[in-house]
Amino acid sequence: MKNKVMTYERPRRFEKYELSFHPYEIATALFSFGDVLEIVGKEDSERKSIDERRGLILVDTIGHVEDSGKSMKAFLQKIIAEGWGSKENAATEMWNLGLMLRGMWQTQEGVLIPLGVVDNKEYRSDRLDLIDEWYYHAASQFVQFYGETIDIVNADMPFPYILRESGELERLSFTWRRIDEPVSDINPALIVIVDEQIIKLKRPDESYPITLEPEEVLFLRSDGVDDGILHRSPRYHGKHSHLDDVYMDDLFNFFKRNKHKSSVEIRDSFISEFGEYFIPKDPRHDDATFAIIKRSD
């Protein structure tokens, strides 16, 4: 895996990765303090078995706190070195990740401090002291590669898109169910708190297996990409939904124009076309991370 690190504009770091999990080529970009991307398994030239499970884990921690990203990165590197992500199917691995994070949670009089306070305007920026540990907020997405199958488990990350060979831009939707169980009883890697009472829980036994045909493109990202483009581009007038029809049309047209390119070329073209909006230039802007996955044969 190639790792290129350069200074874009403090305090964020800018990193690019390119790797090959046959038959797929992957290119990623991070503009981040709190977003973390780690690789599970070896590239094609280094792996020991063609049946080896490999993967890509993207975790969105608190974007304004650099130590959160560093701590999460160190934690993921440790558990990956111990075999996490490559032993079981994607859904089981995500459940195990949640159990490990849950063991680190702190409670206050038996009630967990809400995970979602950074998304509430009332608590933005000046109330980050309410979340003083890196494992409180861990929206995550695990993409596991097993032969030609890509298995995706999503936990409060933006739903991925696929540009299909037919020309359709497919949005991969994941099922959530609402529950009223105590927060302390919920697997942390699989939830997002909407407020102190309402919780969305990703069913831990669900994953989304897919395969890609040549010329098809899988697009993964953290919410900082959508939010940056929608909020700062005059074309979208500060809209808040990544499902906005104009934005969807623009994504569709972008991938359709660039589908013949390599994953690296598509990544760089996406930065050139949209980067001025989603690359964080202000400490208050959210981190932005995305990955382009394309079949190589």
C-alpha atoms as a PDB file:
ATOM      1  CA  MET A   1       0.000   0.000   0.000  1.00  0.00           C
ATOM      2  CA  LYS A   2       1.348   3.394  -0.939  1.00  0.00           C
ATOM      3  CA  ASN A   3       0.974   6.108   1.673  1.00  0.00           C
ATOM      4  CA  LYS A   4       1.532   9.722   0.654  1.00  0.00           C
ATOM      5  CA  VAL A   5       1.356  12.330   3.401  1.00  0.00           C
ATOM      6  CA  MET A   6       1.459  16.064   2.774  1.00  0.00           C
ATOM      7  CA  THR A   7       0.389  19.207   4.575  1.00  0.00           C
ATOM      8  CA  TYR A   8      -2.761  20.704   3.109  1.00  0.00           C
ATOM      9  CA  GLU A   9      -3.736  23.310   5.673  1.00  0.00           C
ATOM     10  CA  ARG A  10      -3.440  22.859   9.395  1.00  0.00           C
ATOM     11  CA  PRO A  11      -4.879  21.390  11.469  1.00  0.00           C
ATOM     12  CA  ARG A  12      -5.979  18.619   9.078  1.00  0.00           C
ATOM     13  CA  ARG A  13      -3.690  16.105   7.411  1.00  0.00           C
ATOM     14  CA  PHE A  14      -3.989  15.032   3.788  1.00  0.00           C
ATOM     15  CA  GLU A  15      -3.305  11.387   3.002  1.00  0.00           C
ATOM     16  CA  LYS A  16      -3.782   9.280  -0.113  1.00  0.00           C
ATOM     17  CA  TYR A  17      -3.762   5.497  -0.288  1.00  0.00           C
ATOM     18  CA  GLU A  18      -3.798   3.127  -3.249  1.00  0.00           C
ATOM     19  CA  LEU A  19      -4.010  -0.655  -2.939  1.00  0.00           C
ATOM     20  CA  SER A  20      -5.070  -3.765  -4.814  1.00  0.00           C
ATOM     21  CA  PHE A  21      -7.354  -6.541  -3.555  1.00  0.00           C
ATOM     22  CA  HIS A  22      -7.789  -8.589  -6.722  1.00  0.00           C
ATOM     23  CA  PRO A  23      -9.993  -8.164  -8.666  1.00  0.00           C
ATOM     24  CA  TYR A  24     -10.534  -4.707  -7.142  1.00  0.00           C
ATOM     25  CA  GLU A  25      -8.440  -1.548  -7.155  1.00  0.00           C
ATOM     26  CA  ILE A  26      -8.936   0.934  -4.313  1.00  0.00           C
ATOM     27  CA  ALA A  27      -7.983   4.604  -4.061  1.00  0.00           C
ATOM     28  CA  THR A  28      -8.735   6.733  -1.014  1.00  0.00           C
ATOM     29  CA  ALA A  29      -8.207  10.262   0.279  1.00  0.00           C
ATOM     30  CA  LEU A  30      -8.379  11.690   3.807  1.00  0.00           C
ATOM     31  CA  PHE A  31      -8.533  15.310   4.903  1.00  0.00           C
ATOM     32  CA  SER A  32      -8.812  14.593   8.564  1.00  0.00           C
ATOM     33  CA  PHE A  33      -8.222  14.863  12.262  1.00  0.00           C
ATOM     34  CA  GLY A  34     -10.860  12.404  13.461  1.00  0.00           C
ATOM     35  CA  ASP A  35     -11.651  10.229  10.422  1.00  0.00           C
ATOM     36  CA  VAL A  36      -9.594   7.037  10.438  1.00  0.00           C
ATOM     37  CA  LEU A  37      -9.062   4.561   7.621  1.00  0.00           C
ATOM     38  CA  GLU A  38      -7.220   1.299   8.156  1.00  0.00           C
ATOM     39  CA  ILE A  39      -6.473  -1.677   5.918  1.00  0.00           C
ATOM     40  CA  VAL A  40      -7.142  -5.277   6.955  1.00  0.00           C
ATOM     41  CA  GLY A  41      -4.964  -7.927   5.315  1.00  0.00           C
ATOM     42  CA  LYS A  42      -2.217  -7.896   2.715  1.00  0.00           C
ATOM     43  CA  GLU A  43      -2.159  -6.685  -0.845  1.00  0.00           C
ATOM     44  CA  ASP A  44      -2.181  -9.227  -3.684  1.00  0.00           C
ATOM     45  CA  SER A  45       1.595  -9.579  -3.862  1.00  0.00           C
ATOM     46  CA  GLU A  46       1.899 -10.259  -0.110  1.00  0.00           C
ATOM     47  CA  ARG A  47      -1.086 -12.399   0.837  1.00  0.00           C
ATOM     48  CA  LYS A  48      -0.613 -16.039   1.735  1.00  0.00           C
ATOM     49  CA  SER A  49      -3.942 -17.435   0.518  1.00  0.00           C
ATOM     50  CA  ILE A  50      -6.433 -16.511  -2.181  1.00  0.00           C
ATOM     51  CA  ASP A  51      -9.191 -17.221   0.366  1.00  0.00           C
ATOM     52  CA  GLU A  52      -7.914 -14.639   2.816  1.00  0.00           C
ATOM     53  CA  ARG A  53     -10.488 -12.123   4.051  1.00  0.00           C
ATOM     54  CA  ARG A  54      -9.292  -8.556   3.614  1.00  0.00           C
ATOM     55  CA  GLY A  55     -10.919  -5.232   4.159  1.00  0.00           C
ATOM     56  CA  LEU A  56     -11.172  -1.504   4.654  1.00  0.00           C
ATOM     57  CA  ILE A  57     -12.471   0.015   7.910  1.00  0.00           C
ATOM     58  CA  LEU A  58     -13.506   3.680   7.994  1.00  0.00           C
ATOM     59  CA  VAL A  59     -14.352   5.215  11.367  1.00  0.00           C
ATOM     60  CA  ASP A  60     -15.630   8.756  11.908  1.00  0.00           C
ATOM     61  CA  THR A  61     -14.698   9.997  15.387  1.00  0.00           C
ATOM     62  CA  ILE A  62     -14.940  13.553  16.701  1.00  0.00           C
ATOM     63  CA  GLY A  63     -13.662  15.664  13.828  1.00  0.00           C
ATOM     64  CA  HIS A  64     -12.501  18.604  15.885  1.00  0.00           C
ATOM     65  CA  VAL A  65     -10.341  16.603  18.290  1.00  0.00           C
ATOM     66  CA  GLU A  66      -7.076  15.311  16.864  1.00  0.00           C
ATOM     67  CA  ASP A  67      -6.393  12.985  19.781  1.00  0.00           C
ATOM     68  CA  SER A  68      -9.634  11.111  19.042  1.00  0.00           C
ATOM     69  CA  GLY A  69      -8.422  10.140  15.591  1.00  0.00           C
ATOM     70  CA  LYS A  70      -4.975   9.189  16.836  1.00  0.00           C
ATOM     71  CA  SER A  71      -6.387   7.019  19.615  1.00  0.00           C
ATOM     72  CA  MET A  72      -8.866   5.284  17.319  1.00  0.00           C
ATOM     73  CA  LYS A  73      -6.138   4.665  14.744  1.00  0.00           C
ATOM     74  CA  ALA A  74      -3.854   3.083  17.352  1.00  0.00           C
ATOM     75  CA  PHE A  75      -6.738   0.944  18.639  1.00  0.00           C
ATOM     76  CA  LEU A  76      -7.651  -0.295  15.135  1.00  0.00           C
ATOM     77  CA  GLN A  77      -4.038  -1.064  14.278  1.00  0.00           C
ATOM     78  CA  LYS A  78      -3.717  -3.124  17.455  1.00  0.00           C
ATOM     79  CA  ILE A  79      -6.843  -5.229  16.942  1.00  0.00           C
ATOM     80  CA  ILE A  80      -6.140  -5.702  13.214  1.00  0.00           C
ATOM     81  CA  ALA A  81      -2.661  -7.001  14.101  1.00  0.00           C
ATOM     82  CA  GLU A  82      -4.404  -9.456  16.433  1.00  0.00           C
ATOM     83  CA  GLY A  83      -6.624 -10.702  13.596  1.00  0.00           C
ATOM     84  CA  TRP A  84      -9.727  -8.519  13.720  1.00  0.00           C
ATOM     85  CA  GLY A  85     -11.449  -8.132  10.350  1.00  0.00           C
ATOM     86  CA  SER A  86     -10.003 -11.231   8.695  1.00  0.00           C
ATOM     87  CA  LYS A  87     -11.376 -14.136  10.766  1.00  0.00           C
ATOM     88  CA  GLU A  88     -15.158 -13.822  10.519  1.00  0.00           C
ATOM     89  CA  ASN A  89     -17.719 -12.401   8.106  1.00  0.00           C
ATOM     90  CA  ALA A  90     -18.174  -8.644   7.989  1.00  0.00           C
ATOM     91  CA  ALA A  91     -21.255  -8.496  10.234  1.00  0.00           C
ATOM     92  CA  THR A  92     -19.632 -10.595  12.961  1.00  0.00           C
ATOM     93  CA  GLU A  93     -16.438  -8.551  12.844  1.00  0.00           C
ATOM     94  CA  MET A  94     -18.412  -5.317  13.250  1.00  0.00           C
ATOM     95  CA  TRP A  95     -20.317  -6.782  16.185  1.00  0.00           C
ATOM     96  CA  ASN A  96     -17.018  -7.766  17.809  1.00  0.00           C
ATOM     97  CA  LEU A  97     -15.673  -4.269  17.217  1.00  0.00           C
ATOM     98  CA  GLY A  98     -18.707  -2.881  19.012  1.00  0.00           C
ATOM     99  CA  LEU A  99     -18.197  -5.188  21.965  1.00  0.00           C
ATOM    100  CA  MET A 100     -14.594  -4.036  22.324  1.00  0.00           C
ATOM    101  CA  LEU A 101     -15.570  -0.373  22.191  1.00  0.00           C
ATOM    102  CA  ARG A 102     -18.453  -0.946  24.572  1.00  0.00           C
ATOM    103  CA  GLY A 103     -16.003  -2.189  27.172  1.00  0.00           C
ATOM    104  CA  MET A 104     -14.379   1.253  27.166  1.00  0.00           C
ATOM    105  CA  TRP A 105     -17.561   3.272  27.606  1.00  0.00           C
ATOM    106  CA  GLN A 106     -17.940   5.460  30.646  1.00  0.00           C
ATOM    107  CA  THR A 107     -21.282   6.169  32.315  1.00  0.00           C
ATOM    108  CA  GLN A 108     -22.511   9.026  34.405  1.00  0.00           C
ATOM    109  CA  GLU A 109     -24.992   7.925  37.086  1.00  0.00           C
ATOM    110  CA  GLY A 110     -25.765   4.919  34.920  1.00  0.00           C
ATOM    111  CA  VAL A 111     -26.626   6.966  31.832  1.00  0.00           C
ATOM    112  CA  LEU A 112     -24.203   7.267  28.952  1.00  0.00           C
ATOM    113  CA  ILE A 113     -23.374  10.782  27.807  1.00  0.00           C
ATOM    114  CA  PRO A 114     -25.096  11.081  24.383  1.00  0.00           C
ATOM    115  CA  LEU A 115     -22.956  10.169  21.395  1.00  0.00           C
ATOM    116  CA  GLY A 116     -24.688  12.626  19.105  1.00  0.00           C
ATOM    117  CA  VAL A 117     -24.176  15.904  20.929  1.00  0.00           C
ATOM    118  CA  VAL A 118     -21.628  17.126  18.388  1.00  0.00           C
ATOM    119  CA  ASP A 119     -24.384  17.006  15.782  1.00  0.00           C
ATOM    120  CA  ASN A 120     -26.673  19.189  17.892  1.00  0.00           C
ATOM    121  CA  LYS A 121     -26.183  22.913  17.213  1.00  0.00           C
ATOM    122  CA  GLU A 122     -26.660  23.627  20.905  1.00  0.00           C
ATOM    123  CA  TYR A 123     -23.488  21.725  21.728  1.00  0.00           C
ATOM    124  CA  ARG A 124     -21.369  22.409  18.659  1.00  0.00           C
ATOM    125  CA  SER A 125     -17.699  23.316  19.200  1.00  0.00           C
ATOM    126  CA  ASP A 126     -17.945  24.904  22.645  1.00  0.00           C
ATOM    127  CA  ARG A 127     -19.416  21.812  24.337  1.00  0.00           C
ATOM    128  CA  LEU A 128     -17.033  19.143  23.109  1.00  0.00           C
ATOM    129  CA  ASP A 129     -15.951  18.742  26.715  1.00  0.00           C
ATOM    130  CA  LEU A 130     -19.061  16.594  27.117  1.00  0.00           C
ATOM    131  CA  ILE A 131     -17.397  13.910  25.027  1.00  0.00           C
ATOM    132  CA  ASP A 132     -13.977  13.584  26.557  1.00  0.00           C
ATOM    133  CA  GLU A 133     -13.058  10.101  25.376  1.00  0.00           C
ATOM    134  CA  TRP A 134     -12.261   9.021  21.822  1.00  0.00           C
ATOM    135  CA  TYR A 135     -14.463   5.911  21.879  1.00  0.00           C
ATOM    136  CA  TYR A 136     -17.729   7.768  22.577  1.00  0.00           C
ATOM    137  CA  HIS A 137     -18.408   8.494  18.926  1.00  0.00           C
ATOM    138  CA  ALA A 138     -17.514   5.809  16.402  1.00  0.00           C
ATOM    139  CA  ALA A 139     -19.663   5.857  13.300  1.00  0.00           C
ATOM    140  CA  SER A 140     -18.106   3.184  11.132  1.00  0.00           C
ATOM    141  CA  GLN A 141     -18.207   1.280   7.872  1.00  0.00           C
ATOM    142  CA  PHE A 142     -16.437  -2.015   7.228  1.00  0.00           C
ATOM    143  CA  VAL A 143     -15.900  -3.241   3.678  1.00  0.00           C
ATOM    144  CA  GLN A 144     -14.675  -6.827   3.540  1.00  0.00           C
ATOM    145  CA  PHE A 145     -13.256  -8.427   0.389  1.00  0.00           C
ATOM    146  CA  TYR A 146     -13.601 -12.191   0.004  1.00  0.00           C
ATOM    147  CA  GLY A 147     -12.849 -13.413  -3.501  1.00  0.00           C
ATOM    148  CA  GLU A 148     -15.055 -11.400  -5.844  1.00  0.00           C
ATOM    149  CA  THR A 149     -17.534 -10.524  -3.100  1.00  0.00           C
ATOM    150  CA  ILE A 150     -17.515  -7.172  -1.325  1.00  0.00           C
ATOM    151  CA  ASP A 151     -19.446  -7.354   1.951  1.00  0.00           C
ATOM    152  CA  ILE A 152     -20.406  -4.024   3.542  1.00  0.00           C
ATOM    153  CA  VAL A 153     -21.606  -3.297   7.073  1.00  0.00           C
ATOM    154  CA  ASN A 154     -22.656   0.271   7.706  1.00  0.00           C
ATOM    155  CA  ALA A 155     -23.069   1.858  11.145  1.00  0.00           C
ATOM    156  CA  ASP A 156     -24.197   5.479  10.833  1.00  0.00           C
ATOM    157  CA  MET A 157     -22.049   6.348   7.834  1.00  0.00           C
ATOM    158  CA  PRO A 158     -23.454   7.773   4.582  1.00  0.00           C
ATOM    159  CA  PHE A 159     -24.907   5.005   2.440  1.00  0.00           C
ATOM    160  CA  PRO A 160     -22.527   3.998  -0.385  1.00  0.00           C
ATOM    161  CA  TYR A 161     -23.282   4.533  -4.064  1.00  0.00           C
ATOM    162  CA  ILE A 162     -22.553   2.251  -7.020  1.00  0.00           C
ATOM    163  CA  LEU A 163     -22.519   3.386 -10.611  1.00  0.00           C
ATOM    164  CA  ARG A 164     -23.781   0.233 -12.323  1.00  0.00           C
ATOM    165  CA  GLU A 165     -22.905  -0.932 -15.816  1.00  0.00           C
ATOM    166  CA  SER A 166     -26.513  -0.168 -16.806  1.00  0.00           C
ATOM    167  CA  GLY A 167     -25.926   3.513 -16.051  1.00  0.00           C
ATOM    168  CA  GLU A 168     -27.955   3.469 -12.824  1.00  0.00           C
ATOM    169  CA  LEU A 169     -26.589   5.182  -9.707  1.00  0.00           C
ATOM    170  CA  GLU A 170     -27.566   2.700  -7.009  1.00  0.00           C
ATOM    171  CA  ARG A 171     -27.768   3.748  -3.355  1.00  0.00           C
ATOM    172  CA  LEU A 172     -27.080   0.886  -0.940  1.00  0.00           C
ATOM    173  CA  SER A 173     -29.660   1.215   1.830  1.00  0.00           C
ATOM    174  CA  PHE A 174     -29.237  -0.487   5.190  1.00  0.00           C
ATOM    175  CA  THR A 175     -32.076  -1.460   7.513  1.00  0.00           C
ATOM    176  CA  TRP A 176     -32.298   0.203  10.904  1.00  0.00           C
ATOM    177  CA  ARG A 177     -34.862  -0.348  13.633  1.00  0.00           C
ATOM    178  CA  ARG A 178     -35.760   2.076  16.396  1.00  0.00           C
ATOM    179  CA  ILE A 179     -35.606   0.879  19.979  1.00  0.00           C
ATOM    180  CA  ASP A 180     -36.132   2.308  23.433  1.00  0.00           C
ATOM    181  CA  GLU A 181     -33.650   0.196  25.339  1.00  0.00           C
ATOM    182  CA  PRO A 182     -31.241   1.857  27.800  1.00  0.00           C
ATOM    183  CA  VAL A 183     -28.217   3.298  26.075  1.00  0.00           C
ATOM    184  CA  SER A 184     -25.828   1.259  28.188  1.00  0.00           C
ATOM    185  CA  ASP A 185     -27.307  -1.947  26.741  1.00  0.00           C
ATOM    186  CA  ILE A 186     -26.560  -1.080  23.112  1.00  0.00           C
ATOM    187  CA  ASN A 187     -23.546  -2.055  21.049  1.00  0.00           C
ATOM    188  CA  PRO A 188     -21.750   1.302  20.531  1.00  0.00           C
ATOM    189  CA  ALA A 189     -20.271   0.588  17.122  1.00  0.00           C
ATOM    190  CA  LEU A 190     -23.725  -0.003  15.726  1.00  0.00           C
ATOM    191  CA  ILE A 191     -25.760   2.970  16.938  1.00  0.00           C
ATOM    192  CA  VAL A 192     -26.283   6.679  16.612  1.00  0.00           C
ATOM    193  CA  ILE A 193     -28.212   8.660  19.200  1.00  0.00           C
ATOM    194  CA  VAL A 194     -30.740  11.018  17.625  1.00  0.00           C
ATOM    195  CA  ASP A 195     -31.604  12.493  21.005  1.00  0.00           C
ATOM    196  CA  GLU A 196     -31.520  11.187  24.548  1.00  0.00           C
ATOM    197  CA  GLN A 197     -34.526   8.921  24.002  1.00  0.00           C
ATOM    198  CA  ILE A 198     -34.552   7.825  20.349  1.00  0.00           C
ATOM    199  CA  ILE A 199     -31.890   5.453  19.080  1.00  0.00           C
ATOM    200  CA  LYS A 200     -31.332   3.964  15.634  1.00  0.00           C
ATOM    201  CA  LEU A 201     -29.763   0.520  15.844  1.00  0.00           C
ATOM    202  CA  LYS A 202     -28.154  -1.288  12.916  1.00  0.00           C
ATOM    203  CA  ARG A 203     -29.109  -4.936  13.065  1.00  0.00           C
ATOM    204  CA  PRO A 204     -25.777  -6.690  13.749  1.00  0.00           C
ATOM    205  CA  ASP A 205     -26.692  -9.732  11.643  1.00  0.00           C
ATOM    206  CA  GLU A 206     -27.107  -7.693   8.458  1.00  0.00           C
ATOM    207  CA  SER A 207     -24.528  -6.919   5.840  1.00  0.00           C
ATOM    208  CA  TYR A 208     -24.733  -5.983   2.168  1.00  0.00           C
ATOM    209  CA  PRO A 209     -22.798  -8.342  -0.135  1.00  0.00           C
ATOM    210  CA  ILE A 210     -22.207  -7.061  -3.658  1.00  0.00           C
ATOM    211  CA  THR A 211     -20.016  -7.696  -6.667  1.00  0.00           C
ATOM    212  CA  LEU A 212     -18.857  -5.176  -9.228  1.00  0.00           C
ATOM    213  CA  GLU A 213     -18.593  -5.649 -12.963  1.00  0.00           C
ATOM    214  CA  PRO A 214     -15.880  -3.918 -15.028  1.00  0.00           C
ATOM    215  CA  GLU A 215     -16.594  -0.182 -15.347  1.00  0.00           C
ATOM    216  CA  GLU A 216     -18.744  -0.227 -12.187  1.00  0.00           C
ATOM    217  CA  VAL A 217     -17.650   2.081  -9.369  1.00  0.00           C
ATOM    218  CA  LEU A 218     -18.297   1.883  -5.606  1.00  0.00           C
ATOM    219  CA  PHE A 219     -18.148   5.226  -3.775  1.00  0.00           C
ATOM    220  CA  LEU A 220     -17.703   5.334   0.025  1.00  0.00           C
ATOM    221  CA  ARG A 221     -17.330   8.485   2.124  1.00  0.00           C
ATOM    222  CA  SER A 222     -17.686  10.103   5.520  1.00  0.00           C
ATOM    223  CA  ASP A 223     -20.419  12.678   6.044  1.00  0.00           C
ATOM    224  CA  GLY A 224     -17.909  15.530   5.757  1.00  0.00           C
ATOM    225  CA  VAL A 225     -17.813  15.024   1.979  1.00  0.00           C
ATOM    226  CA  ASP A 226     -21.562  15.428   1.466  1.00  0.00           C
ATOM    227  CA  ASP A 227     -21.907  18.156   4.081  1.00  0.00           C
ATOM    228  CA  GLY A 228     -19.019  20.179   2.700  1.00  0.00           C
ATOM    229  CA  ILE A 229     -20.288  20.065  -0.876  1.00  0.00           C
ATOM    230  CA  LEU A 230     -23.922  20.761   0.038  1.00  0.00           C
ATOM    231  CA  HIS A 231     -23.178  23.527   2.531  1.00  0.00           C
ATOM    232  CA  ARG A 232     -20.396  25.400   0.766  1.00  0.00           C
ATOM    233  CA  SER A 233     -21.135  25.051  -2.934  1.00  0.00           C
ATOM    234  CA  PRO A 234     -23.432  27.837  -4.208  1.00  0.00           C
ATOM    235  CA  ARG A 235     -25.032  25.260  -6.487  1.00  0.00           C
ATOM    236  CA  TYR A 236     -26.837  23.601  -3.556  1.00  0.00           C
ATOM    237  CA  HIS A 237     -27.658  26.681  -1.450  1.00  0.00           C
ATOM    238  CA  GLY A 238     -26.718  25.158   1.896  1.00  0.00           C
ATOM    239  CA  LYS A 239     -28.995  22.137   1.666  1.00  0.00           C
ATOM    240  CA  HIS A 240     -28.532  19.442   4.273  1.00  0.00           C
ATOM    241  CA  SER A 241     -29.593  16.239   2.514  1.00  0.00           C
ATOM    242  CA  HIS A 242     -27.242  14.091   0.451  1.00  0.00           C
ATOM    243  CA  LEU A 243     -30.421  12.869  -1.268  1.00  0.00           C
ATOM    244  CA  ASP A 244     -30.946  16.250  -2.892  1.00  0.00           C
ATOM    245  CA  ASP A 245     -31.876  15.584  -6.522  1.00  0.00           C
ATOM    246  CA  VAL A 246     -29.401  18.103  -7.957  1.00  0.00           C
ATOM    247  CA  TYR A 247     -26.539  16.650  -5.919  1.00  0.00           C
ATOM    248  CA  MET A 248     -27.506  13.103  -6.923  1.00  0.00           C
ATOM    249  CA  ASP A 249     -27.596  14.126 -10.577  1.00  0.00           C
ATOM    250  CA  ASP A 250     -24.168  15.723 -10.276  1.00  0.00           C
ATOM    251  CA  LEU A 251     -22.698  12.595  -8.670  1.00  0.00           C
ATOM    252  CA  PHE A 252     -24.280  10.436 -11.363  1.00  0.00           C
ATOM    253  CA  ASN A 253     -22.883  12.617 -14.158  1.00  0.00           C
ATOM    254  CA  PHE A 254     -19.448  12.716 -12.549  1.00  0.00           C
ATOM    255  CA  PHE A 255     -19.143   8.943 -12.259  1.00  0.00           C
ATOM    256  CA  LYS A 256     -20.620   8.379 -15.699  1.00  0.00           C
ATOM    257  CA  ARG A 257     -18.028  10.714 -17.247  1.00  0.00           C
ATOM    258  CA  ASN A 258     -15.160   9.107 -15.357  1.00  0.00           C
ATOM    259  CA  LYS A 259     -16.092   5.420 -15.152  1.00  0.00           C
ATOM    260  CA  HIS A 260     -13.559   4.464 -17.831  1.00  0.00           C
ATOM    261  CA  LYS A 261     -10.702   5.758 -15.642  1.00  0.00           C
ATOM    262  CA  SER A 262      -8.742   3.892 -12.989  1.00  0.00           C
ATOM    263  CA  SER A 263      -9.739   4.208  -9.324  1.00  0.00           C
ATOM    264  CA  VAL A 264      -6.767   6.519  -8.736  1.00  0.00           C
ATOM    265  CA  GLU A 265      -7.760   8.764 -11.642  1.00  0.00           C
ATOM    266  CA  ILE A 266     -11.385   8.872 -10.478  1.00  0.00           C
ATOM    267  CA  ARG A 267     -10.284   9.822  -6.954  1.00  0.00           C
ATOM    268  CA  ASP A 268      -8.082  12.633  -8.226  1.00  0.00           C
ATOM    269  CA  SER A 269     -10.795  13.861 -10.584  1.00  0.00           C
ATOM    270  CA  PHE A 270     -13.288  13.948  -7.709  1.00  0.00           C
ATOM    271  CA  ILE A 271     -10.907  16.089  -5.680  1.00  0.00           C
ATOM    272  CA  SER A 272     -10.372  18.404  -8.652  1.00  0.00           C
ATOM    273  CA  GLU A 273     -14.109  18.812  -9.285  1.00  0.00           C
ATOM    274  CA  PHE A 274     -15.504  18.954  -5.738  1.00  0.00           C
ATOM    275  CA  GLY A 275     -12.518  19.366  -3.429  1.00  0.00           C
ATOM    276  CA  GLU A 276     -12.789  23.123  -3.010  1.00  0.00           C
ATOM    277  CA  TYR A 277     -16.059  22.531  -1.171  1.00  0.00           C
ATOM    278  CA  PHE A 278     -15.422  19.465   0.986  1.00  0.00           C
ATOM    279  CA  ILE A 279     -11.724  19.869   1.844  1.00  0.00           C
ATOM    280  CA  PRO A 280     -11.803  21.432   5.340  1.00  0.00           C
ATOM    281  CA  LYS A 281     -10.118  24.818   5.395  1.00  0.00           C
ATOM    282  CA  ASP A 282     -11.532  25.953   8.723  1.00  0.00           C
ATOM    283  CA  PRO A 283     -11.136  24.205  12.127  1.00  0.00           C
ATOM    284  CA  ARG A 284     -14.939  24.156  12.379  1.00  0.00           C
ATOM    285  CA  HIS A 285     -15.327  22.184   9.144  1.00  0.00           C
ATOM    286  CA  ASP A 286     -15.843  18.443   9.379  1.00  0.00           C
ATOM    287  CA  ASP A 287     -13.256  15.888   8.293  1.00  0.00           C
ATOM    288  CA  ALA A 288     -13.677  14.471   4.799  1.00  0.00           C
ATOM    289  CA  THR A 289     -12.675  10.959   3.731  1.00  0.00           C
ATOM    290  CA  PHE A 290     -13.686   8.932   0.699  1.00  0.00           C
ATOM    291  CA  ALA A 291     -12.782   5.765  -1.201  1.00  0.00           C
ATOM    292  CA  ILE A 292     -13.195   4.720  -4.800  1.00  0.00           C
ATOM    293  CA  ILE A 293     -13.373   0.971  -5.510  1.00  0.00           C
ATOM    294  CA  LYS A 294     -13.353  -0.380  -9.039  1.00  0.00           C
ATOM    295  CA  ARG A 295     -12.945  -3.799 -10.606  1.00  0.00           C
ATOM    296  CA  SER A 296      -9.673  -4.113 -12.441  1.00  0.00           C
ATOM    297  CA  ASP A 297     -10.509  -6.871 -14.953  1.00  0.00           C
END
